[in-house]
Amino acid sequence: MLNLLSIIIGIVALVLAIPSSIPLLGWGNWVVLPIAMIGAGLGALSSSNKGRNLCLVVFGIAVLRLMLGGGVL
């Protein structure tokens, strides 16, 4: 059950991260980071790793985008 909830949270974070890759919308990644970490935490509590891995990938994408944009852009 926690894995399914983690996958849903990861998909929501991914949907929010996609428009944040557009220039001048990079600030949206600051919203994605805590959502992805909550999903990764729930995924770590479950017996399967799929949800945790999805959330960690989304987290990595958001961090990479923030690094490329200087933290804001």
PDB file of N, CA and C in Angstrom:
ATOM      1  N   MET A   1       0.825  -1.198   0.000  1.00  0.00           N
ATOM      2  CA  MET A   1       0.000   0.000   0.000  1.00  0.00           C
ATOM      3  C   MET A   1       0.865   1.257   0.000  1.00  0.00           C
ATOM      4  N   LEU A   2       1.932   1.254   0.807  1.00  0.00           N
ATOM      5  CA  LEU A   2       2.820   2.413   0.837  1.00  0.00           C
ATOM      6  C   LEU A   2       3.549   2.595  -0.492  1.00  0.00           C
ATOM      7  N   ASN A   3       3.848   1.472  -1.166  1.00  0.00           N
ATOM      8  CA  ASN A   3       4.514   1.572  -2.459  1.00  0.00           C
ATOM      9  C   ASN A   3       3.599   2.233  -3.482  1.00  0.00           C
ATOM     10  N   LEU A   4       2.336   1.873  -3.488  1.00  0.00           N
ATOM     11  CA  LEU A   4       1.380   2.478  -4.413  1.00  0.00           C
ATOM     12  C   LEU A   4       1.227   3.968  -4.120  1.00  0.00           C
ATOM     13  N   LEU A   5       1.163   4.337  -2.863  1.00  0.00           N
ATOM     14  CA  LEU A   5       1.071   5.744  -2.484  1.00  0.00           C
ATOM     15  C   LEU A   5       2.333   6.501  -2.892  1.00  0.00           C
ATOM     16  N   SER A   6       3.486   5.866  -2.768  1.00  0.00           N
ATOM     17  CA  SER A   6       4.735   6.486  -3.174  1.00  0.00           C
ATOM     18  C   SER A   6       4.785   6.680  -4.688  1.00  0.00           C
ATOM     19  N   ILE A   7       4.285   5.723  -5.449  1.00  0.00           N
ATOM     20  CA  ILE A   7       4.242   5.856  -6.906  1.00  0.00           C
ATOM     21  C   ILE A   7       3.318   6.996  -7.306  1.00  0.00           C
ATOM     22  N   ILE A   8       2.183   7.110  -6.667  1.00  0.00           N
ATOM     23  CA  ILE A   8       1.240   8.201  -6.975  1.00  0.00           C
ATOM     24  C   ILE A   8       1.872   9.551  -6.665  1.00  0.00           C
ATOM     25  N   ILE A   9       2.540   9.657  -5.520  1.00  0.00           N
ATOM     26  CA  ILE A   9       3.210  10.911  -5.163  1.00  0.00           C
ATOM     27  C   ILE A   9       4.329  11.210  -6.154  1.00  0.00           C
ATOM     28  N   GLY A  10       5.050  10.183  -6.590  1.00  0.00           N
ATOM     29  CA  GLY A  10       6.109  10.372  -7.573  1.00  0.00           C
ATOM     30  C   GLY A  10       5.580  10.855  -8.912  1.00  0.00           C
ATOM     31  N   ILE A  11       4.438  10.334  -9.333  1.00  0.00           N
ATOM     32  CA  ILE A  11       3.834  10.773 -10.586  1.00  0.00           C
ATOM     33  C   ILE A  11       3.370  12.221 -10.472  1.00  0.00           C
ATOM     34  N   VAL A  12       2.791  12.578  -9.338  1.00  0.00           N
ATOM     35  CA  VAL A  12       2.371  13.972  -9.125  1.00  0.00           C
ATOM     36  C   VAL A  12       3.587  14.896  -9.158  1.00  0.00           C
ATOM     37  N   ALA A  13       4.674  14.488  -8.514  1.00  0.00           N
ATOM     38  CA  ALA A  13       5.890  15.298  -8.518  1.00  0.00           C
ATOM     39  C   ALA A  13       6.466  15.409  -9.927  1.00  0.00           C
ATOM     40  N   LEU A  14       6.387  14.336 -10.697  1.00  0.00           N
ATOM     41  CA  LEU A  14       6.887  14.373 -12.066  1.00  0.00           C
ATOM     42  C   LEU A  14       6.056  15.303 -12.937  1.00  0.00           C
ATOM     43  N   VAL A  15       4.741  15.258 -12.761  1.00  0.00           N
ATOM     44  CA  VAL A  15       3.864  16.152 -13.518  1.00  0.00           C
ATOM     45  C   VAL A  15       4.156  17.607 -13.168  1.00  0.00           C
ATOM     46  N   LEU A  16       4.473  17.890 -11.924  1.00  0.00           N
ATOM     47  CA  LEU A  16       4.833  19.254 -11.531  1.00  0.00           C
ATOM     48  C   LEU A  16       6.233  19.635 -12.008  1.00  0.00           C
ATOM     49  N   ALA A  17       7.124  18.657 -12.156  1.00  0.00           N
ATOM     50  CA  ALA A  17       8.496  18.949 -12.569  1.00  0.00           C
ATOM     51  C   ALA A  17       8.603  19.208 -14.067  1.00  0.00           C
ATOM     52  N   ILE A  18       7.710  18.649 -14.859  1.00  0.00           N
ATOM     53  CA  ILE A  18       7.798  18.822 -16.306  1.00  0.00           C
ATOM     54  C   ILE A  18       7.642  20.288 -16.719  1.00  0.00           C
ATOM     55  N   PRO A  19       6.608  21.005 -16.276  1.00  0.00           N
ATOM     56  CA  PRO A  19       6.550  22.414 -16.672  1.00  0.00           C
ATOM     57  C   PRO A  19       7.641  23.267 -16.013  1.00  0.00           C
ATOM     58  N   SER A  20       8.221  22.781 -14.934  1.00  0.00           N
ATOM     59  CA  SER A  20       9.279  23.535 -14.261  1.00  0.00           C
ATOM     60  C   SER A  20      10.582  23.507 -15.037  1.00  0.00           C
ATOM     61  N   SER A  21      10.661  22.706 -16.099  1.00  0.00           N
ATOM     62  CA  SER A  21      11.873  22.685 -16.916  1.00  0.00           C
ATOM     63  C   SER A  21      11.869  23.802 -17.958  1.00  0.00           C
ATOM     64  N   ILE A  22      10.745  24.488 -18.094  1.00  0.00           N
ATOM     65  CA  ILE A  22      10.647  25.625 -19.006  1.00  0.00           C
ATOM     66  C   ILE A  22      11.384  26.805 -18.372  1.00  0.00           C
ATOM     67  N   PRO A  23      12.149  27.552 -19.171  1.00  0.00           N
ATOM     68  CA  PRO A  23      12.844  28.713 -18.596  1.00  0.00           C
ATOM     69  C   PRO A  23      11.874  29.672 -17.896  1.00  0.00           C
ATOM     70  N   LEU A  24      12.339  30.247 -16.814  1.00  0.00           N
ATOM     71  CA  LEU A  24      11.612  31.177 -15.938  1.00  0.00           C
ATOM     72  C   LEU A  24      10.525  30.503 -15.103  1.00  0.00           C
ATOM     73  N   LEU A  25      10.387  29.190 -15.199  1.00  0.00           N
ATOM     74  CA  LEU A  25       9.473  28.461 -14.314  1.00  0.00           C
ATOM     75  C   LEU A  25      10.238  27.494 -13.411  1.00  0.00           C
ATOM     76  N   GLY A  26      11.542  27.676 -13.327  1.00  0.00           N
ATOM     77  CA  GLY A  26      12.381  26.787 -12.524  1.00  0.00           C
ATOM     78  C   GLY A  26      12.085  26.839 -11.039  1.00  0.00           C
ATOM     79  N   TRP A  27      11.467  27.918 -10.582  1.00  0.00           N
ATOM     80  CA  TRP A  27      11.113  28.023  -9.168  1.00  0.00           C
ATOM     81  C   TRP A  27      10.134  26.919  -8.764  1.00  0.00           C
ATOM     82  N   GLY A  28       9.435  26.343  -9.721  1.00  0.00           N
ATOM     83  CA  GLY A  28       8.509  25.256  -9.405  1.00  0.00           C
ATOM     84  C   GLY A  28       9.210  24.012  -8.892  1.00  0.00           C
ATOM     85  N   ASN A  29      10.501  23.888  -9.188  1.00  0.00           N
ATOM     86  CA  ASN A  29      11.258  22.741  -8.677  1.00  0.00           C
ATOM     87  C   ASN A  29      11.408  22.794  -7.164  1.00  0.00           C
ATOM     88  N   TRP A  30      11.341  23.988  -6.583  1.00  0.00           N
ATOM     89  CA  TRP A  30      11.390  24.086  -5.124  1.00  0.00           C
ATOM     90  C   TRP A  30      10.139  23.486  -4.496  1.00  0.00           C
ATOM     91  N   VAL A  31       9.043  23.426  -5.241  1.00  0.00           N
ATOM     92  CA  VAL A  31       7.824  22.766  -4.762  1.00  0.00           C
ATOM     93  C   VAL A  31       7.939  21.260  -4.940  1.00  0.00           C
ATOM     94  N   VAL A  32       8.627  20.851  -6.006  1.00  0.00           N
ATOM     95  CA  VAL A  32       8.756  19.423  -6.325  1.00  0.00           C
ATOM     96  C   VAL A  32       9.660  18.702  -5.327  1.00  0.00           C
ATOM     97  N   LEU A  33      10.708  19.369  -4.864  1.00  0.00           N
ATOM     98  CA  LEU A  33      11.686  18.707  -3.993  1.00  0.00           C
ATOM     99  C   LEU A  33      11.073  18.112  -2.724  1.00  0.00           C
ATOM    100  N   PRO A  34      10.289  18.861  -1.928  1.00  0.00           N
ATOM    101  CA  PRO A  34       9.721  18.229  -0.729  1.00  0.00           C
ATOM    102  C   PRO A  34       8.693  17.148  -1.045  1.00  0.00           C
ATOM    103  N   ILE A  35       7.950  17.326  -2.138  1.00  0.00           N
ATOM    104  CA  ILE A  35       6.965  16.305  -2.514  1.00  0.00           C
ATOM    105  C   ILE A  35       7.676  14.999  -2.862  1.00  0.00           C
ATOM    106  N   ALA A  36       8.767  15.102  -3.622  1.00  0.00           N
ATOM    107  CA  ALA A  36       9.517  13.906  -3.997  1.00  0.00           C
ATOM    108  C   ALA A  36      10.168  13.251  -2.783  1.00  0.00           C
ATOM    109  N   MET A  37      10.616  14.044  -1.826  1.00  0.00           N
ATOM    110  CA  MET A  37      11.232  13.456  -0.639  1.00  0.00           C
ATOM    111  C   MET A  37      10.204  12.752   0.242  1.00  0.00           C
ATOM    112  N   ILE A  38       9.012  13.284   0.316  1.00  0.00           N
ATOM    113  CA  ILE A  38       7.948  12.607   1.064  1.00  0.00           C
ATOM    114  C   ILE A  38       7.632  11.271   0.402  1.00  0.00           C
ATOM    115  N   GLY A  39       7.540  11.279  -0.922  1.00  0.00           N
ATOM    116  CA  GLY A  39       7.293  10.030  -1.647  1.00  0.00           C
ATOM    117  C   GLY A  39       8.413   9.028  -1.467  1.00  0.00           C
ATOM    118  N   ALA A  40       9.654   9.511  -1.479  1.00  0.00           N
ATOM    119  CA  ALA A  40      10.790   8.604  -1.276  1.00  0.00           C
ATOM    120  C   ALA A  40      10.784   8.030   0.140  1.00  0.00           C
ATOM    121  N   GLY A  41      10.383   8.832   1.105  1.00  0.00           N
ATOM    122  CA  GLY A  41      10.285   8.330   2.478  1.00  0.00           C
ATOM    123  C   GLY A  41       9.229   7.256   2.623  1.00  0.00           C
ATOM    124  N   LEU A  42       8.085   7.467   1.994  1.00  0.00           N
ATOM    125  CA  LEU A  42       7.041   6.440   2.028  1.00  0.00           C
ATOM    126  C   LEU A  42       7.481   5.194   1.273  1.00  0.00           C
ATOM    127  N   GLY A  43       8.192   5.393   0.166  1.00  0.00           N
ATOM    128  CA  GLY A  43       8.688   4.249  -0.595  1.00  0.00           C
ATOM    129  C   GLY A  43       9.725   3.458   0.166  1.00  0.00           C
ATOM    130  N   ALA A  44      10.503   4.130   1.006  1.00  0.00           N
ATOM    131  CA  ALA A  44      11.504   3.435   1.812  1.00  0.00           C
ATOM    132  C   ALA A  44      10.849   2.565   2.883  1.00  0.00           C
ATOM    133  N   LEU A  45       9.661   2.951   3.305  1.00  0.00           N
ATOM    134  CA  LEU A  45       8.957   2.165   4.324  1.00  0.00           C
ATOM    135  C   LEU A  45       8.263   0.938   3.752  1.00  0.00           C
ATOM    136  N   SER A  46       8.065   0.899   2.430  1.00  0.00           N
ATOM    137  CA  SER A  46       7.368  -0.236   1.816  1.00  0.00           C
ATOM    138  C   SER A  46       8.357  -1.356   1.511  1.00  0.00           C
ATOM    139  N   SER A  47       7.814  -2.492   1.125  1.00  0.00           N
ATOM    140  CA  SER A  47       8.667  -3.643   0.844  1.00  0.00           C
ATOM    141  C   SER A  47       9.229  -3.621  -0.576  1.00  0.00           C
ATOM    142  N   SER A  48       8.652  -2.846  -1.461  1.00  0.00           N
ATOM    143  CA  SER A  48       9.122  -2.751  -2.841  1.00  0.00           C
ATOM    144  C   SER A  48       9.889  -1.443  -3.050  1.00  0.00           C
ATOM    145  N   ASN A  49      10.706  -1.395  -4.081  1.00  0.00           N
ATOM    146  CA  ASN A  49      11.564  -0.231  -4.303  1.00  0.00           C
ATOM    147  C   ASN A  49      11.107   0.661  -5.452  1.00  0.00           C
ATOM    148  N   LYS A  50      10.063   0.291  -6.179  1.00  0.00           N
ATOM    149  CA  LYS A  50       9.675   1.042  -7.370  1.00  0.00           C
ATOM    150  C   LYS A  50       9.293   2.480  -7.059  1.00  0.00           C
ATOM    151  N   GLY A  51       8.454   2.696  -6.083  1.00  0.00           N
ATOM    152  CA  GLY A  51       8.012   4.034  -5.738  1.00  0.00           C
ATOM    153  C   GLY A  51       9.141   4.892  -5.224  1.00  0.00           C
ATOM    154  N   ARG A  52      10.006   4.308  -4.403  1.00  0.00           N
ATOM    155  CA  ARG A  52      11.156   5.050  -3.885  1.00  0.00           C
ATOM    156  C   ARG A  52      12.086   5.469  -5.008  1.00  0.00           C
ATOM    157  N   ASN A  53      12.350   4.541  -5.933  1.00  0.00           N
ATOM    158  CA  ASN A  53      13.242   4.850  -7.042  1.00  0.00           C
ATOM    159  C   ASN A  53      12.660   5.920  -7.953  1.00  0.00           C
ATOM    160  N   LEU A  54      11.364   5.871  -8.205  1.00  0.00           N
ATOM    161  CA  LEU A  54      10.716   6.891  -9.031  1.00  0.00           C
ATOM    162  C   LEU A  54      10.865   8.267  -8.382  1.00  0.00           C
ATOM    163  N   CYS A  55      10.609   8.346  -7.104  1.00  0.00           N
ATOM    164  CA  CYS A  55      10.705   9.629  -6.407  1.00  0.00           C
ATOM    165  C   CYS A  55      12.146  10.128  -6.369  1.00  0.00           C
ATOM    166  N   LEU A  56      13.108   9.242  -6.228  1.00  0.00           N
ATOM    167  CA  LEU A  56      14.501   9.669  -6.223  1.00  0.00           C
ATOM    168  C   LEU A  56      14.942  10.159  -7.595  1.00  0.00           C
ATOM    169  N   VAL A  57      14.428   9.541  -8.658  1.00  0.00           N
ATOM    170  CA  VAL A  57      14.745  10.018 -10.009  1.00  0.00           C
ATOM    171  C   VAL A  57      14.146  11.400 -10.235  1.00  0.00           C
ATOM    172  N   VAL A  58      12.897  11.597  -9.813  1.00  0.00           N
ATOM    173  CA  VAL A  58      12.257  12.912  -9.950  1.00  0.00           C
ATOM    174  C   VAL A  58      13.017  13.945  -9.120  1.00  0.00           C
ATOM    175  N   PHE A  59      13.441  13.573  -7.932  1.00  0.00           N
ATOM    176  CA  PHE A  59      14.227  14.469  -7.088  1.00  0.00           C
ATOM    177  C   PHE A  59      15.535  14.850  -7.773  1.00  0.00           C
ATOM    178  N   GLY A  60      16.205  13.857  -8.369  1.00  0.00           N
ATOM    179  CA  GLY A  60      17.457  14.123  -9.080  1.00  0.00           C
ATOM    180  C   GLY A  60      17.262  15.045 -10.274  1.00  0.00           C
ATOM    181  N   ILE A  61      16.179  14.861 -11.018  1.00  0.00           N
ATOM    182  CA  ILE A  61      15.883  15.732 -12.154  1.00  0.00           C
ATOM    183  C   ILE A  61      15.650  17.156 -11.677  1.00  0.00           C
ATOM    184  N   ALA A  62      14.905  17.316 -10.595  1.00  0.00           N
ATOM    185  CA  ALA A  62      14.624  18.654 -10.073  1.00  0.00           C
ATOM    186  C   ALA A  62      15.897  19.328  -9.565  1.00  0.00           C
ATOM    187  N   VAL A  63      16.757  18.581  -8.894  1.00  0.00           N
ATOM    188  CA  VAL A  63      18.009  19.149  -8.393  1.00  0.00           C
ATOM    189  C   VAL A  63      18.911  19.544  -9.557  1.00  0.00           C
ATOM    190  N   LEU A  64      19.000  18.689 -10.574  1.00  0.00           N
ATOM    191  CA  LEU A  64      19.822  19.007 -11.735  1.00  0.00           C
ATOM    192  C   LEU A  64      19.317  20.266 -12.430  1.00  0.00           C
ATOM    193  N   ARG A  65      18.006  20.391 -12.568  1.00  0.00           N
ATOM    194  CA  ARG A  65      17.419  21.580 -13.207  1.00  0.00           C
ATOM    195  C   ARG A  65      17.689  22.835 -12.372  1.00  0.00           C
ATOM    196  N   LEU A  66      17.615  22.714 -11.064  1.00  0.00           N
ATOM    197  CA  LEU A  66      17.923  23.862 -10.215  1.00  0.00           C
ATOM    198  C   LEU A  66      19.397  24.244 -10.312  1.00  0.00           C
ATOM    199  N   MET A  67      20.274  23.265 -10.400  1.00  0.00           N
ATOM    200  CA  MET A  67      21.699  23.568 -10.523  1.00  0.00           C
ATOM    201  C   MET A  67      21.984  24.261 -11.848  1.00  0.00           C
ATOM    202  N   LEU A  68      21.363  23.823 -12.919  1.00  0.00           N
ATOM    203  CA  LEU A  68      21.586  24.436 -14.220  1.00  0.00           C
ATOM    204  C   LEU A  68      21.020  25.856 -14.285  1.00  0.00           C
ATOM    205  N   GLY A  69      19.933  26.091 -13.566  1.00  0.00           N
ATOM    206  CA  GLY A  69      19.317  27.403 -13.594  1.00  0.00           C
ATOM    207  C   GLY A  69      19.811  28.350 -12.510  1.00  0.00           C
ATOM    208  N   GLY A  70      20.776  27.936 -11.741  1.00  0.00           N
ATOM    209  CA  GLY A  70      21.315  28.802 -10.703  1.00  0.00           C
ATOM    210  C   GLY A  70      20.439  28.866  -9.463  1.00  0.00           C
ATOM    211  N   GLY A  71      19.518  27.951  -9.305  1.00  0.00           N
ATOM    212  CA  GLY A  71      18.687  27.899  -8.113  1.00  0.00           C
ATOM    213  C   GLY A  71      17.342  28.594  -8.229  1.00  0.00           C
ATOM    214  N   VAL A  72      17.176  29.427  -9.243  1.00  0.00           N
ATOM    215  CA  VAL A  72      15.929  30.166  -9.358  1.00  0.00           C
ATOM    216  C   VAL A  72      15.304  29.968 -10.731  1.00  0.00           C
ATOM    217  N   LEU A  73      16.052  30.208 -11.779  1.00  0.00           N
ATOM    218  CA  LEU A  73      15.521  30.155 -13.124  1.00  0.00           C
ATOM    219  C   LEU A  73      15.292  28.741 -13.528  1.00  0.00           C
TER     220      LEU A  73
END
